[in-house]
Amino acid sequence: MKVKTKATNPDLVSLIVELRSESFKSKKPIWKAVAKLLDKPTRSRRIVNITRIDKNTKENDAVVVPGKVLATGELTHKVTIAALSFSKQAKEKIEKAGGKVLTIREAMKDKNLKNIKIIG
């Protein structure tokens, strides 16, 4: 019999609940989709390199990564990136390129972010 696993980290569980609630209140389905992706087991969460973000974004885009951002590659333009976690080098590279690093909770509450993409 297959056992279904769910997030057990209390901070992550509260973030998932907040994302679902915000999706309902603001009528933005992106937050529900992010909550669904975060509710998967740790081994199924996304790991995204900066190279992938650079290839799939343009100047001043906003991106949500439902997982971890790693530092492989270079970022050639300014991007706002929200993720569950970042490697130290990834944060440095994003800020060096003029980008902005946010937590998913901060991105959810930032009303200035428009046309947010999910990369993962």
N, C-alpha and C. Protein backbone atom coordinates (compact mmCIF):
# COMPACT_ATOMS: atom_id res chain seq x y z
N MET A 1 0.84 -1.17 0.00
CA MET A 1 0.00 0.00 0.00
C MET A 1 0.89 1.24 0.00
N LYS A 2 0.57 2.20 -0.84
CA LYS A 2 1.34 3.43 -0.96
C LYS A 2 0.90 4.42 0.12
N VAL A 3 1.87 4.98 0.84
CA VAL A 3 1.57 5.94 1.90
C VAL A 3 1.76 7.34 1.35
N LYS A 4 0.75 8.18 1.47
CA LYS A 4 0.83 9.56 1.01
C LYS A 4 1.48 10.40 2.10
N THR A 5 2.56 11.10 1.74
CA THR A 5 3.24 11.95 2.71
C THR A 5 2.87 13.41 2.46
N LYS A 6 2.89 14.18 3.51
CA LYS A 6 2.59 15.61 3.44
C LYS A 6 3.64 16.35 4.22
N ALA A 7 3.65 17.66 4.06
CA ALA A 7 4.58 18.51 4.78
C ALA A 7 4.34 18.39 6.29
N THR A 8 5.42 18.29 7.05
CA THR A 8 5.29 18.21 8.50
C THR A 8 5.96 19.38 9.21
N ASN A 9 6.78 20.14 8.50
CA ASN A 9 7.41 21.31 9.07
C ASN A 9 6.32 22.33 9.41
N PRO A 10 6.20 22.76 10.68
CA PRO A 10 5.11 23.66 11.06
C PRO A 10 5.12 24.99 10.32
N ASP A 11 6.32 25.52 10.03
CA ASP A 11 6.39 26.78 9.28
C ASP A 11 5.88 26.59 7.86
N LEU A 12 6.25 25.48 7.24
CA LEU A 12 5.81 25.20 5.89
C LEU A 12 4.30 24.94 5.85
N VAL A 13 3.79 24.22 6.82
CA VAL A 13 2.35 23.95 6.88
C VAL A 13 1.58 25.27 7.01
N SER A 14 2.05 26.17 7.86
CA SER A 14 1.35 27.46 8.01
C SER A 14 1.45 28.29 6.73
N LEU A 15 2.59 28.23 6.03
CA LEU A 15 2.73 28.93 4.75
C LEU A 15 1.74 28.39 3.73
N ILE A 16 1.58 27.08 3.66
CA ILE A 16 0.65 26.46 2.72
C ILE A 16 -0.79 26.91 3.02
N VAL A 17 -1.15 26.96 4.29
CA VAL A 17 -2.49 27.41 4.69
C VAL A 17 -2.68 28.87 4.29
N GLU A 18 -1.67 29.71 4.55
CA GLU A 18 -1.76 31.14 4.17
C GLU A 18 -1.88 31.31 2.66
N LEU A 19 -1.13 30.52 1.90
CA LEU A 19 -1.20 30.62 0.44
C LEU A 19 -2.59 30.27 -0.07
N ARG A 20 -3.17 29.20 0.47
CA ARG A 20 -4.53 28.82 0.04
C ARG A 20 -5.55 29.90 0.41
N SER A 21 -5.41 30.45 1.60
CA SER A 21 -6.32 31.50 2.05
C SER A 21 -6.19 32.75 1.18
N GLU A 22 -4.95 33.15 0.88
CA GLU A 22 -4.71 34.33 0.04
C GLU A 22 -5.25 34.11 -1.37
N SER A 23 -5.11 32.90 -1.88
CA SER A 23 -5.63 32.59 -3.21
C SER A 23 -7.14 32.79 -3.25
N PHE A 24 -7.82 32.34 -2.20
CA PHE A 24 -9.28 32.48 -2.12
C PHE A 24 -9.68 33.95 -1.99
N LYS A 25 -8.98 34.68 -1.08
CA LYS A 25 -9.33 36.09 -0.83
C LYS A 25 -9.05 36.99 -2.04
N SER A 26 -7.87 36.82 -2.64
CA SER A 26 -7.47 37.71 -3.73
C SER A 26 -7.89 37.21 -5.11
N LYS A 27 -8.45 36.00 -5.15
CA LYS A 27 -8.86 35.38 -6.41
C LYS A 27 -7.68 35.26 -7.39
N LYS A 28 -6.51 34.91 -6.84
CA LYS A 28 -5.31 34.68 -7.65
C LYS A 28 -4.95 33.20 -7.54
N PRO A 29 -5.19 32.43 -8.59
CA PRO A 29 -4.95 30.99 -8.53
C PRO A 29 -3.47 30.61 -8.42
N ILE A 30 -2.57 31.56 -8.69
CA ILE A 30 -1.14 31.24 -8.60
C ILE A 30 -0.75 30.78 -7.20
N TRP A 31 -1.33 31.39 -6.17
CA TRP A 31 -0.95 31.04 -4.79
C TRP A 31 -1.45 29.65 -4.42
N LYS A 32 -2.59 29.25 -4.97
CA LYS A 32 -3.10 27.89 -4.74
C LYS A 32 -2.18 26.87 -5.42
N ALA A 33 -1.71 27.21 -6.61
CA ALA A 33 -0.79 26.32 -7.33
C ALA A 33 0.54 26.18 -6.58
N VAL A 34 1.05 27.28 -6.05
CA VAL A 34 2.30 27.23 -5.27
C VAL A 34 2.09 26.39 -4.01
N ALA A 35 0.95 26.55 -3.35
CA ALA A 35 0.65 25.76 -2.15
C ALA A 35 0.62 24.27 -2.48
N LYS A 36 0.03 23.93 -3.60
CA LYS A 36 -0.05 22.53 -4.01
C LYS A 36 1.35 21.95 -4.27
N LEU A 37 2.22 22.74 -4.90
CA LEU A 37 3.58 22.28 -5.17
C LEU A 37 4.41 22.15 -3.89
N LEU A 38 4.17 23.03 -2.92
CA LEU A 38 4.90 22.97 -1.66
C LEU A 38 4.42 21.84 -0.76
N ASP A 39 3.22 21.36 -0.99
CA ASP A 39 2.63 20.31 -0.15
C ASP A 39 3.15 18.91 -0.52
N LYS A 40 4.05 18.85 -1.47
CA LYS A 40 4.64 17.57 -1.87
C LYS A 40 5.77 17.19 -0.91
N PRO A 41 6.19 15.94 -0.94
CA PRO A 41 7.33 15.53 -0.11
C PRO A 41 8.60 16.29 -0.49
N THR A 42 9.53 16.40 0.44
CA THR A 42 10.76 17.15 0.23
C THR A 42 11.50 16.67 -1.02
N ARG A 43 11.56 15.39 -1.25
CA ARG A 43 12.30 14.87 -2.40
C ARG A 43 11.65 15.24 -3.73
N SER A 44 10.40 15.66 -3.71
CA SER A 44 9.69 16.05 -4.93
C SER A 44 9.68 17.55 -5.16
N ARG A 45 10.22 18.32 -4.23
CA ARG A 45 10.22 19.78 -4.39
C ARG A 45 11.20 20.22 -5.45
N ARG A 46 10.96 21.37 -6.01
CA ARG A 46 11.76 21.89 -7.10
C ARG A 46 13.12 22.38 -6.61
N ILE A 47 14.13 22.16 -7.44
CA ILE A 47 15.46 22.74 -7.26
C ILE A 47 15.78 23.40 -8.59
N VAL A 48 15.98 24.71 -8.57
CA VAL A 48 16.15 25.48 -9.80
C VAL A 48 17.47 26.23 -9.76
N ASN A 49 18.22 26.15 -10.85
CA ASN A 49 19.46 26.90 -10.97
C ASN A 49 19.19 28.27 -11.59
N ILE A 50 20.08 29.20 -11.33
CA ILE A 50 19.95 30.56 -11.86
C ILE A 50 19.92 30.55 -13.38
N THR A 51 20.62 29.62 -14.00
CA THR A 51 20.62 29.52 -15.46
C THR A 51 19.20 29.37 -16.01
N ARG A 52 18.41 28.51 -15.39
CA ARG A 52 17.04 28.29 -15.84
C ARG A 52 16.20 29.55 -15.68
N ILE A 53 16.38 30.24 -14.57
CA ILE A 53 15.65 31.49 -14.34
C ILE A 53 16.04 32.52 -15.40
N ASP A 54 17.33 32.62 -15.70
CA ASP A 54 17.81 33.57 -16.69
C ASP A 54 17.22 33.28 -18.07
N LYS A 55 17.14 32.01 -18.45
CA LYS A 55 16.61 31.64 -19.77
C LYS A 55 15.11 31.89 -19.90
N ASN A 56 14.37 31.76 -18.80
CA ASN A 56 12.90 31.83 -18.86
C ASN A 56 12.31 33.15 -18.39
N THR A 57 13.13 34.16 -18.19
CA THR A 57 12.62 35.46 -17.74
C THR A 57 13.18 36.59 -18.58
N LYS A 58 12.52 37.73 -18.45
CA LYS A 58 12.98 38.97 -19.08
C LYS A 58 13.26 39.97 -17.97
N GLU A 59 13.79 41.12 -18.34
CA GLU A 59 14.07 42.20 -17.40
C GLU A 59 12.82 42.55 -16.58
N ASN A 60 12.99 42.67 -15.27
CA ASN A 60 11.94 43.08 -14.31
C ASN A 60 10.80 42.08 -14.15
N ASP A 61 10.97 40.83 -14.53
CA ASP A 61 9.96 39.80 -14.29
C ASP A 61 9.95 39.42 -12.81
N ALA A 62 8.86 38.81 -12.39
CA ALA A 62 8.73 38.27 -11.03
C ALA A 62 8.52 36.77 -11.13
N VAL A 63 9.25 36.01 -10.30
CA VAL A 63 9.24 34.55 -10.39
C VAL A 63 9.06 33.96 -9.00
N VAL A 64 8.29 32.86 -8.91
CA VAL A 64 8.18 32.10 -7.68
C VAL A 64 8.73 30.70 -7.94
N VAL A 65 9.63 30.27 -7.06
CA VAL A 65 10.20 28.92 -7.13
C VAL A 65 9.72 28.16 -5.90
N PRO A 66 8.84 27.16 -6.08
CA PRO A 66 8.35 26.40 -4.92
C PRO A 66 9.38 25.35 -4.48
N GLY A 67 10.53 25.83 -4.08
CA GLY A 67 11.63 24.97 -3.67
C GLY A 67 12.86 25.81 -3.42
N LYS A 68 14.02 25.32 -3.86
CA LYS A 68 15.29 25.99 -3.58
C LYS A 68 15.92 26.51 -4.87
N VAL A 69 16.55 27.69 -4.76
CA VAL A 69 17.29 28.28 -5.87
C VAL A 69 18.78 28.06 -5.61
N LEU A 70 19.46 27.48 -6.61
CA LEU A 70 20.89 27.23 -6.52
C LEU A 70 21.66 28.14 -7.47
N ALA A 71 22.97 28.26 -7.27
CA ALA A 71 23.77 29.30 -7.93
C ALA A 71 24.43 28.91 -9.24
N THR A 72 24.12 27.80 -9.83
CA THR A 72 24.77 27.42 -11.08
C THR A 72 24.33 28.36 -12.20
N GLY A 73 25.30 28.96 -12.87
CA GLY A 73 25.02 29.87 -13.97
C GLY A 73 25.12 31.32 -13.55
N GLU A 74 24.76 32.19 -14.48
CA GLU A 74 24.80 33.63 -14.25
C GLU A 74 23.44 34.24 -14.59
N LEU A 75 23.09 35.29 -13.87
CA LEU A 75 21.87 36.05 -14.13
C LEU A 75 22.27 37.32 -14.86
N THR A 76 21.71 37.56 -16.04
CA THR A 76 22.13 38.69 -16.87
C THR A 76 21.17 39.88 -16.83
N HIS A 77 20.09 39.77 -16.09
CA HIS A 77 19.14 40.87 -16.00
C HIS A 77 18.48 40.90 -14.62
N LYS A 78 17.79 41.98 -14.35
CA LYS A 78 17.16 42.19 -13.05
C LYS A 78 15.85 41.42 -12.97
N VAL A 79 15.72 40.57 -11.92
CA VAL A 79 14.53 39.74 -11.72
C VAL A 79 14.21 39.70 -10.24
N THR A 80 12.93 39.70 -9.90
CA THR A 80 12.49 39.49 -8.52
C THR A 80 12.17 38.02 -8.36
N ILE A 81 12.85 37.37 -7.41
CA ILE A 81 12.69 35.93 -7.23
C ILE A 81 12.23 35.64 -5.81
N ALA A 82 11.13 34.90 -5.69
CA ALA A 82 10.63 34.44 -4.39
C ALA A 82 10.78 32.92 -4.37
N ALA A 83 11.30 32.39 -3.28
CA ALA A 83 11.49 30.94 -3.18
C ALA A 83 11.40 30.50 -1.73
N LEU A 84 11.27 29.21 -1.55
CA LEU A 84 11.25 28.63 -0.21
C LEU A 84 12.62 28.81 0.44
N SER A 85 13.70 28.63 -0.34
CA SER A 85 15.05 28.87 0.18
C SER A 85 16.01 29.16 -0.97
N PHE A 86 17.14 29.76 -0.62
CA PHE A 86 18.18 30.13 -1.58
C PHE A 86 19.52 29.66 -1.04
N SER A 87 20.42 29.28 -1.93
CA SER A 87 21.79 29.05 -1.48
C SER A 87 22.43 30.44 -1.30
N LYS A 88 23.47 30.50 -0.49
CA LYS A 88 24.13 31.78 -0.22
C LYS A 88 24.65 32.41 -1.51
N GLN A 89 25.28 31.60 -2.36
CA GLN A 89 25.83 32.11 -3.61
C GLN A 89 24.73 32.57 -4.57
N ALA A 90 23.59 31.90 -4.56
CA ALA A 90 22.48 32.30 -5.43
C ALA A 90 21.97 33.68 -5.03
N LYS A 91 21.82 33.93 -3.72
CA LYS A 91 21.40 35.25 -3.26
C LYS A 91 22.37 36.32 -3.73
N GLU A 92 23.67 36.04 -3.59
CA GLU A 92 24.69 37.00 -3.99
C GLU A 92 24.61 37.30 -5.49
N LYS A 93 24.45 36.28 -6.32
CA LYS A 93 24.39 36.47 -7.76
C LYS A 93 23.14 37.25 -8.18
N ILE A 94 22.02 36.97 -7.54
CA ILE A 94 20.77 37.67 -7.87
C ILE A 94 20.90 39.15 -7.52
N GLU A 95 21.41 39.44 -6.33
CA GLU A 95 21.57 40.83 -5.90
C GLU A 95 22.62 41.55 -6.73
N LYS A 96 23.69 40.86 -7.15
CA LYS A 96 24.73 41.45 -7.99
C LYS A 96 24.15 41.87 -9.35
N ALA A 97 23.20 41.10 -9.86
CA ALA A 97 22.56 41.42 -11.14
C ALA A 97 21.50 42.50 -11.00
N GLY A 98 21.28 42.99 -9.78
CA GLY A 98 20.27 44.03 -9.56
C GLY A 98 18.90 43.47 -9.23
N GLY A 99 18.81 42.17 -9.04
CA GLY A 99 17.55 41.52 -8.73
C GLY A 99 17.18 41.63 -7.26
N LYS A 100 16.03 41.09 -6.93
CA LYS A 100 15.51 41.15 -5.57
C LYS A 100 15.19 39.74 -5.10
N VAL A 101 15.56 39.43 -3.86
CA VAL A 101 15.32 38.12 -3.26
C VAL A 101 14.22 38.26 -2.21
N LEU A 102 13.17 37.43 -2.34
CA LEU A 102 12.05 37.46 -1.39
C LEU A 102 11.73 36.05 -0.92
N THR A 103 11.10 35.96 0.24
CA THR A 103 10.50 34.69 0.63
C THR A 103 9.15 34.60 -0.06
N ILE A 104 8.57 33.42 -0.10
CA ILE A 104 7.26 33.27 -0.74
C ILE A 104 6.21 34.07 0.03
N ARG A 105 6.32 34.09 1.35
CA ARG A 105 5.39 34.84 2.19
C ARG A 105 5.46 36.35 1.86
N GLU A 106 6.67 36.88 1.69
CA GLU A 106 6.83 38.30 1.34
C GLU A 106 6.24 38.59 -0.04
N ALA A 107 6.46 37.70 -0.98
CA ALA A 107 5.93 37.88 -2.33
C ALA A 107 4.40 37.87 -2.34
N MET A 108 3.83 36.99 -1.52
CA MET A 108 2.37 36.88 -1.45
C MET A 108 1.76 38.18 -0.94
N LYS A 109 2.45 38.84 -0.01
CA LYS A 109 1.93 40.07 0.59
C LYS A 109 2.28 41.33 -0.20
N ASP A 110 3.21 41.22 -1.16
CA ASP A 110 3.64 42.37 -1.96
C ASP A 110 2.63 42.61 -3.08
N LYS A 111 1.88 43.67 -2.96
CA LYS A 111 0.83 43.97 -3.94
C LYS A 111 1.39 44.57 -5.23
N ASN A 112 2.68 44.96 -5.25
CA ASN A 112 3.29 45.54 -6.44
C ASN A 112 3.73 44.50 -7.46
N LEU A 113 3.81 43.24 -7.06
CA LEU A 113 4.23 42.20 -8.00
C LEU A 113 3.08 41.83 -8.91
N LYS A 114 3.34 41.89 -10.20
CA LYS A 114 2.32 41.57 -11.21
C LYS A 114 2.89 40.51 -12.15
N ASN A 115 2.03 39.75 -12.76
CA ASN A 115 2.41 38.73 -13.74
C ASN A 115 3.52 37.82 -13.22
N ILE A 116 3.27 37.20 -12.10
CA ILE A 116 4.24 36.32 -11.48
C ILE A 116 4.21 34.96 -12.18
N LYS A 117 5.41 34.43 -12.46
CA LYS A 117 5.54 33.11 -13.09
C LYS A 117 6.02 32.10 -12.05
N ILE A 118 5.60 30.85 -12.22
CA ILE A 118 6.13 29.77 -11.41
C ILE A 118 7.19 29.06 -12.26
N ILE A 119 8.39 28.93 -11.72
CA ILE A 119 9.45 28.20 -12.42
C ILE A 119 9.84 27.02 -11.55
N GLY A 120 9.88 25.86 -12.15
CA GLY A 120 10.25 24.71 -11.35
C GLY A 120 10.29 23.45 -12.07
